[in-house]
Amino acid sequence: MPSQNVYIDTDILMFYFDKKKVDERRVARSSIEKVVRSLRENSEIKVKICQVVLGELMLHFCKGKCEFDEMKKLFERLNVGSSDMPSASSKVLKCANEIMESQHRIKPNDALIVAQVLKDSSATWLLTTDEKLIGNRVIEEKMQALGHRFNIDSSFHR
């Protein structure tokens, strides 16, 4: 069975730790728990955290919105190591630029995250609550042009 890469957007990770946004936290924790169960059941599933997501998460951490030990435990549960934190290649940067030119409401960091997933032929999921990304026509067209399909949703299921 081929590798199945699951990318997690910053919002899911931030909501996972957010004690004030109860509904968002519930959705994030439910999705993360489903990913953790899937990791145990299928060794072909890998979680990927883009470096831009790590940067955004560090800002969240610096503002005191999550504890280092909590973040470390979550990454351990998700089996995320340094090889699972890809940086943007020139192809990813070009793709991100094309996305931003086609869709001005997508911000640069979001375009980078989506482009990273688009350029990963083993990507099967982008977990996010960002409604600008879910069901986005430009992203759908890019997927079609690349002959690559993956799910963009806040709820993980196999």
C-alpha atoms as a PDB file:
ATOM      1  CA  MET A   1       0.000   0.000   0.000  1.00  0.00           C
ATOM      2  CA  PRO A   2       1.430   3.435  -0.903  1.00  0.00           C
ATOM      3  CA  SER A   3       2.258   6.047   1.690  1.00  0.00           C
ATOM      4  CA  GLN A   4      -0.607   8.314   2.756  1.00  0.00           C
ATOM      5  CA  ASN A   5       0.481  11.713   4.029  1.00  0.00           C
ATOM      6  CA  VAL A   6      -1.879  13.640   6.264  1.00  0.00           C
ATOM      7  CA  TYR A   7      -1.069  17.349   6.577  1.00  0.00           C
ATOM      8  CA  ILE A   8      -2.384  19.303   9.544  1.00  0.00           C
ATOM      9  CA  ASP A   9      -2.966  23.055   9.272  1.00  0.00           C
ATOM     10  CA  THR A  10      -2.108  25.491  12.035  1.00  0.00           C
ATOM     11  CA  ASP A  11      -5.725  26.150  12.991  1.00  0.00           C
ATOM     12  CA  ILE A  12      -6.364  22.509  13.908  1.00  0.00           C
ATOM     13  CA  LEU A  13      -3.252  22.456  16.093  1.00  0.00           C
ATOM     14  CA  MET A  14      -4.059  25.791  17.743  1.00  0.00           C
ATOM     15  CA  PHE A  15      -7.675  24.812  18.413  1.00  0.00           C
ATOM     16  CA  TYR A  16      -6.444  21.495  19.854  1.00  0.00           C
ATOM     17  CA  PHE A  17      -4.888  23.507  22.704  1.00  0.00           C
ATOM     18  CA  ASP A  18      -7.451  26.332  22.949  1.00  0.00           C
ATOM     19  CA  LYS A  19      -9.487  26.053  26.141  1.00  0.00           C
ATOM     20  CA  LYS A  20     -11.678  29.078  25.313  1.00  0.00           C
ATOM     21  CA  LYS A  21     -13.047  28.002  21.921  1.00  0.00           C
ATOM     22  CA  VAL A  22     -14.912  24.910  23.049  1.00  0.00           C
ATOM     23  CA  ASP A  23     -16.570  23.909  19.745  1.00  0.00           C
ATOM     24  CA  GLU A  24     -13.412  24.402  17.699  1.00  0.00           C
ATOM     25  CA  ARG A  25     -11.397  22.489  20.290  1.00  0.00           C
ATOM     26  CA  ARG A  26     -13.867  19.593  20.172  1.00  0.00           C
ATOM     27  CA  VAL A  27     -13.601  19.361  16.356  1.00  0.00           C
ATOM     28  CA  ALA A  28      -9.793  19.591  16.430  1.00  0.00           C
ATOM     29  CA  ARG A  29      -9.426  16.990  19.175  1.00  0.00           C
ATOM     30  CA  SER A  30     -11.844  14.619  17.455  1.00  0.00           C
ATOM     31  CA  SER A  31      -9.922  14.858  14.177  1.00  0.00           C
ATOM     32  CA  ILE A  32      -6.555  14.446  15.872  1.00  0.00           C
ATOM     33  CA  GLU A  33      -7.803  11.384  17.800  1.00  0.00           C
ATOM     34  CA  LYS A  34      -9.007   9.822  14.537  1.00  0.00           C
ATOM     35  CA  VAL A  35      -5.592  10.440  12.997  1.00  0.00           C
ATOM     36  CA  VAL A  36      -3.855   8.872  16.021  1.00  0.00           C
ATOM     37  CA  ARG A  37      -6.086   5.771  15.777  1.00  0.00           C
ATOM     38  CA  SER A  38      -5.391   5.529  12.040  1.00  0.00           C
ATOM     39  CA  LEU A  39      -1.646   5.743  12.668  1.00  0.00           C
ATOM     40  CA  ARG A  40      -1.903   2.733  14.987  1.00  0.00           C
ATOM     41  CA  GLU A  41      -3.935   0.750  12.449  1.00  0.00           C
ATOM     42  CA  ASN A  42      -2.021   1.613   9.279  1.00  0.00           C
ATOM     43  CA  SER A  43       1.759   2.022   9.176  1.00  0.00           C
ATOM     44  CA  GLU A  44       1.524   3.642   5.722  1.00  0.00           C
ATOM     45  CA  ILE A  45      -0.089   6.791   7.162  1.00  0.00           C
ATOM     46  CA  LYS A  46       2.339   9.596   8.011  1.00  0.00           C
ATOM     47  CA  VAL A  47       1.552  12.980   9.520  1.00  0.00           C
ATOM     48  CA  LYS A  48       3.292  15.963   7.939  1.00  0.00           C
ATOM     49  CA  ILE A  49       3.584  19.403   9.505  1.00  0.00           C
ATOM     50  CA  CYS A  50       4.831  22.070   7.078  1.00  0.00           C
ATOM     51  CA  GLN A  51       7.541  24.346   8.405  1.00  0.00           C
ATOM     52  CA  VAL A  52       5.274  27.357   7.888  1.00  0.00           C
ATOM     53  CA  VAL A  53       2.748  25.657  10.202  1.00  0.00           C
ATOM     54  CA  LEU A  54       5.512  25.145  12.769  1.00  0.00           C
ATOM     55  CA  GLY A  55       6.339  28.850  12.576  1.00  0.00           C
ATOM     56  CA  GLU A  56       2.716  29.843  13.092  1.00  0.00           C
ATOM     57  CA  LEU A  57       2.406  27.372  15.961  1.00  0.00           C
ATOM     58  CA  MET A  58       5.532  28.826  17.600  1.00  0.00           C
ATOM     59  CA  LEU A  59       3.882  32.264  17.552  1.00  0.00           C
ATOM     60  CA  HIS A  60       0.900  30.700  19.315  1.00  0.00           C
ATOM     61  CA  PHE A  61       3.286  29.130  21.841  1.00  0.00           C
ATOM     62  CA  CYS A  62       5.133  32.448  22.378  1.00  0.00           C
ATOM     63  CA  LYS A  63       1.824  34.117  23.226  1.00  0.00           C
ATOM     64  CA  GLY A  64       1.378  31.569  26.015  1.00  0.00           C
ATOM     65  CA  LYS A  65      -1.572  29.802  24.362  1.00  0.00           C
ATOM     66  CA  CYS A  66      -0.059  26.336  24.682  1.00  0.00           C
ATOM     67  CA  GLU A  67       2.629  24.658  26.744  1.00  0.00           C
ATOM     68  CA  PHE A  68       5.776  23.155  25.243  1.00  0.00           C
ATOM     69  CA  ASP A  69       5.199  19.796  26.967  1.00  0.00           C
ATOM     70  CA  GLU A  70       1.648  19.600  25.572  1.00  0.00           C
ATOM     71  CA  MET A  71       2.921  20.337  22.068  1.00  0.00           C
ATOM     72  CA  LYS A  72       5.723  17.792  22.418  1.00  0.00           C
ATOM     73  CA  LYS A  73       3.300  15.091  23.610  1.00  0.00           C
ATOM     74  CA  LEU A  74       0.957  15.775  20.696  1.00  0.00           C
ATOM     75  CA  PHE A  75       3.799  15.540  18.157  1.00  0.00           C
ATOM     76  CA  GLU A  76       4.920  12.267  19.768  1.00  0.00           C
ATOM     77  CA  ARG A  77       1.389  10.848  19.529  1.00  0.00           C
ATOM     78  CA  LEU A  78       1.306  11.872  15.857  1.00  0.00           C
ATOM     79  CA  ASN A  79       4.755  10.312  15.260  1.00  0.00           C
ATOM     80  CA  VAL A  80       6.022  13.604  13.836  1.00  0.00           C
ATOM     81  CA  GLY A  81       9.797  13.756  13.559  1.00  0.00           C
ATOM     82  CA  SER A  82      12.112  16.184  11.778  1.00  0.00           C
ATOM     83  CA  SER A  83      11.742  14.311   8.467  1.00  0.00           C
ATOM     84  CA  ASP A  84       7.980  14.931   8.672  1.00  0.00           C
ATOM     85  CA  MET A  85       8.378  18.728   8.637  1.00  0.00           C
ATOM     86  CA  PRO A  86       8.952  19.613   4.993  1.00  0.00           C
ATOM     87  CA  SER A  87      10.148  23.030   3.906  1.00  0.00           C
ATOM     88  CA  ALA A  88       8.984  24.741   0.741  1.00  0.00           C
ATOM     89  CA  SER A  89      10.871  23.857  -2.445  1.00  0.00           C
ATOM     90  CA  SER A  90      11.070  26.174  -5.447  1.00  0.00           C
ATOM     91  CA  LYS A  91       8.197  24.181  -7.030  1.00  0.00           C
ATOM     92  CA  VAL A  92       6.085  24.724  -3.920  1.00  0.00           C
ATOM     93  CA  LEU A  93       6.891  28.454  -3.895  1.00  0.00           C
ATOM     94  CA  LYS A  94       5.924  28.753  -7.575  1.00  0.00           C
ATOM     95  CA  CYS A  95       2.667  26.889  -6.959  1.00  0.00           C
ATOM     96  CA  ALA A  96       1.891  29.086  -3.932  1.00  0.00           C
ATOM     97  CA  ASN A  97       2.443  32.191  -6.030  1.00  0.00           C
ATOM     98  CA  GLU A  98       0.077  30.858  -8.722  1.00  0.00           C
ATOM     99  CA  ILE A  99      -2.578  30.200  -6.072  1.00  0.00           C
ATOM    100  CA  MET A 100      -2.271  33.736  -4.684  1.00  0.00           C
ATOM    101  CA  GLU A 101      -2.439  35.258  -8.173  1.00  0.00           C
ATOM    102  CA  SER A 102      -5.611  33.280  -8.930  1.00  0.00           C
ATOM    103  CA  GLN A 103      -7.246  33.785  -5.556  1.00  0.00           C
ATOM    104  CA  HIS A 104      -6.410  37.009  -3.726  1.00  0.00           C
ATOM    105  CA  ARG A 105      -8.288  36.041  -0.563  1.00  0.00           C
ATOM    106  CA  ILE A 106      -5.826  33.225   0.182  1.00  0.00           C
ATOM    107  CA  LYS A 107      -3.000  34.558   2.341  1.00  0.00           C
ATOM    108  CA  PRO A 108       0.659  33.685   1.644  1.00  0.00           C
ATOM    109  CA  ASN A 109       1.061  31.191   4.511  1.00  0.00           C
ATOM    110  CA  ASP A 110      -2.136  29.376   3.528  1.00  0.00           C
ATOM    111  CA  ALA A 111      -1.016  29.312  -0.113  1.00  0.00           C
ATOM    112  CA  LEU A 112       2.310  27.794   0.971  1.00  0.00           C
ATOM    113  CA  ILE A 113       0.587  25.119   3.029  1.00  0.00           C
ATOM    114  CA  VAL A 114      -1.794  24.184   0.202  1.00  0.00           C
ATOM    115  CA  ALA A 115       1.030  24.223  -2.350  1.00  0.00           C
ATOM    116  CA  GLN A 116       3.067  21.890  -0.134  1.00  0.00           C
ATOM    117  CA  VAL A 117       0.182  19.419  -0.114  1.00  0.00           C
ATOM    118  CA  LEU A 118      -0.458  19.844  -3.849  1.00  0.00           C
ATOM    119  CA  LYS A 119       3.166  19.019  -4.648  1.00  0.00           C
ATOM    120  CA  ASP A 120       3.165  15.888  -2.459  1.00  0.00           C
ATOM    121  CA  SER A 121       1.788  13.056  -4.603  1.00  0.00           C
ATOM    122  CA  SER A 122       1.332  10.937  -1.444  1.00  0.00           C
ATOM    123  CA  ALA A 123      -0.847  13.547   0.281  1.00  0.00           C
ATOM    124  CA  THR A 124      -4.324  12.297   1.083  1.00  0.00           C
ATOM    125  CA  TRP A 125      -5.535  14.934   3.574  1.00  0.00           C
ATOM    126  CA  LEU A 126      -5.206  18.540   4.585  1.00  0.00           C
ATOM    127  CA  LEU A 127      -6.909  18.933   7.947  1.00  0.00           C
ATOM    128  CA  THR A 128      -8.063  22.527   8.347  1.00  0.00           C
ATOM    129  CA  THR A 129     -11.051  24.547   9.496  1.00  0.00           C
ATOM    130  CA  ASP A 130     -10.191  27.384   7.084  1.00  0.00           C
ATOM    131  CA  GLU A 131     -13.301  27.888   4.959  1.00  0.00           C
ATOM    132  CA  LYS A 132     -11.256  29.782   2.358  1.00  0.00           C
ATOM    133  CA  LEU A 133      -9.504  26.481   1.622  1.00  0.00           C
ATOM    134  CA  ILE A 134     -12.316  23.941   1.989  1.00  0.00           C
ATOM    135  CA  GLY A 135     -14.136  23.560  -1.340  1.00  0.00           C
ATOM    136  CA  ASN A 136     -11.987  26.250  -2.980  1.00  0.00           C
ATOM    137  CA  ARG A 137     -12.421  26.293  -6.767  1.00  0.00           C
ATOM    138  CA  VAL A 138      -8.817  27.354  -7.503  1.00  0.00           C
ATOM    139  CA  ILE A 139      -7.398  24.565  -5.343  1.00  0.00           C
ATOM    140  CA  GLU A 140      -9.762  22.041  -6.956  1.00  0.00           C
ATOM    141  CA  GLU A 141      -8.597  23.181 -10.418  1.00  0.00           C
ATOM    142  CA  LYS A 142      -4.939  22.874  -9.358  1.00  0.00           C
ATOM    143  CA  MET A 143      -5.585  19.348  -8.083  1.00  0.00           C
ATOM    144  CA  GLN A 144      -7.228  18.423 -11.360  1.00  0.00           C
ATOM    145  CA  ALA A 145      -4.399  19.933 -13.429  1.00  0.00           C
ATOM    146  CA  LEU A 146      -1.851  17.952 -11.400  1.00  0.00           C
ATOM    147  CA  GLY A 147      -3.950  14.769 -11.514  1.00  0.00           C
ATOM    148  CA  HIS A 148      -3.800  14.724  -7.733  1.00  0.00           C
ATOM    149  CA  ARG A 149      -6.728  14.317  -5.325  1.00  0.00           C
ATOM    150  CA  PHE A 150      -6.722  14.817  -1.596  1.00  0.00           C
ATOM    151  CA  ASN A 151      -9.330  15.768   0.979  1.00  0.00           C
ATOM    152  CA  ILE A 152      -9.483  19.221   2.533  1.00  0.00           C
ATOM    153  CA  ASP A 153     -11.712  19.158   5.592  1.00  0.00           C
ATOM    154  CA  SER A 154     -11.838  19.714   9.340  1.00  0.00           C
ATOM    155  CA  SER A 155     -12.925  16.152  10.038  1.00  0.00           C
ATOM    156  CA  PHE A 156     -10.593  13.227   9.367  1.00  0.00           C
ATOM    157  CA  HIS A 157     -11.968   9.903   8.195  1.00  0.00           C
ATOM    158  CA  ARG A 158     -10.477   7.140   6.082  1.00  0.00           C
END
